[in-house]
Protein backbone atom coordinates (compact mmCIF):
# COMPACT_ATOMS: atom_id res chain seq x y z
CA MET A 1 0.00 0.00 0.00
CA LEU A 2 1.20 3.51 -0.82
CA ASN A 3 1.81 5.93 2.01
CA LEU A 4 1.40 9.27 0.25
CA PRO A 5 1.76 12.58 2.10
CA ILE A 6 -1.58 14.37 2.39
CA GLN A 7 -0.47 17.47 4.30
CA PRO A 8 -1.38 20.80 2.70
CA ARG A 9 2.27 21.75 2.22
CA TYR A 10 2.64 18.83 -0.22
CA ILE A 11 -0.75 19.10 -1.91
CA LEU A 12 -1.23 22.87 -2.36
CA PRO A 13 1.77 23.73 -4.60
CA PRO A 14 0.81 21.30 -7.39
CA ILE A 15 -2.82 22.39 -7.20
CA ILE A 16 -1.85 26.08 -7.40
CA LEU A 17 0.46 25.35 -10.32
CA LEU A 18 -2.32 23.46 -12.06
CA LEU A 19 -4.73 26.37 -11.58
CA PHE A 20 -2.24 28.97 -12.85
CA SER A 21 -1.37 26.79 -15.84
CA THR A 22 -5.02 26.25 -16.70
CA ILE A 23 -5.84 29.94 -16.45
CA PHE A 24 -2.85 30.97 -18.56
CA ALA A 25 -3.65 28.34 -21.19
CA ALA A 26 -7.38 29.11 -21.28
CA PHE A 27 -6.92 32.85 -21.75
CA ASP A 28 -3.67 32.68 -23.76
CA LEU A 29 -1.72 34.75 -21.22
CA ASN A 30 1.67 33.10 -21.77
CA ASN A 31 2.97 36.15 -23.66
CA LEU A 32 2.58 38.25 -20.51
CA LEU A 33 5.17 36.28 -18.53
CA GLU A 34 7.63 35.09 -21.14
CA PHE A 35 11.10 36.61 -21.14
CA ASN A 36 11.10 38.42 -24.48
CA ARG A 37 14.37 40.30 -24.95
CA SER A 38 13.05 42.53 -27.75
CA LEU A 39 10.15 43.73 -25.61
CA ILE A 40 12.50 44.41 -22.71
CA ASP A 41 14.71 46.43 -25.05
CA GLU A 42 11.62 48.45 -26.00
CA GLY A 43 11.14 49.40 -22.34
CA GLU A 44 8.96 46.73 -20.78
CA LEU A 45 11.23 46.34 -17.76
CA TRP A 46 8.38 45.01 -15.62
CA ARG A 47 8.96 41.62 -17.27
CA ILE A 48 12.34 41.31 -15.55
CA PHE A 49 10.94 42.26 -12.13
CA LEU A 50 7.94 39.95 -12.48
CA ALA A 51 10.15 37.00 -13.43
CA ASN A 52 12.42 37.66 -10.46
CA LEU A 53 9.42 37.99 -8.15
CA PHE A 54 8.08 34.59 -9.23
CA MET A 55 11.51 33.05 -8.75
CA LEU A 56 11.77 34.57 -5.26
CA ILE A 57 8.31 33.30 -4.31
CA GLY A 58 9.34 29.83 -5.47
CA LEU A 59 12.47 29.95 -3.34
CA ILE A 60 10.56 31.14 -0.26
CA TRP A 61 7.82 28.54 -0.75
CA ASP A 62 10.38 25.74 -0.85
């Protein structure tokens, strides 16, 4: 018999990732978060900060 962890700290991250992925796929929002060098050169610096924020949240969550 499998002894799988059922604590929220093990279950919530995959569920949250699934929800974000579904929302981004359903509404075609992938272009908002992708690291596009030409758009950054045009002045969309928020893409760099948003990517770093998501990376920091991932490090804190772990």
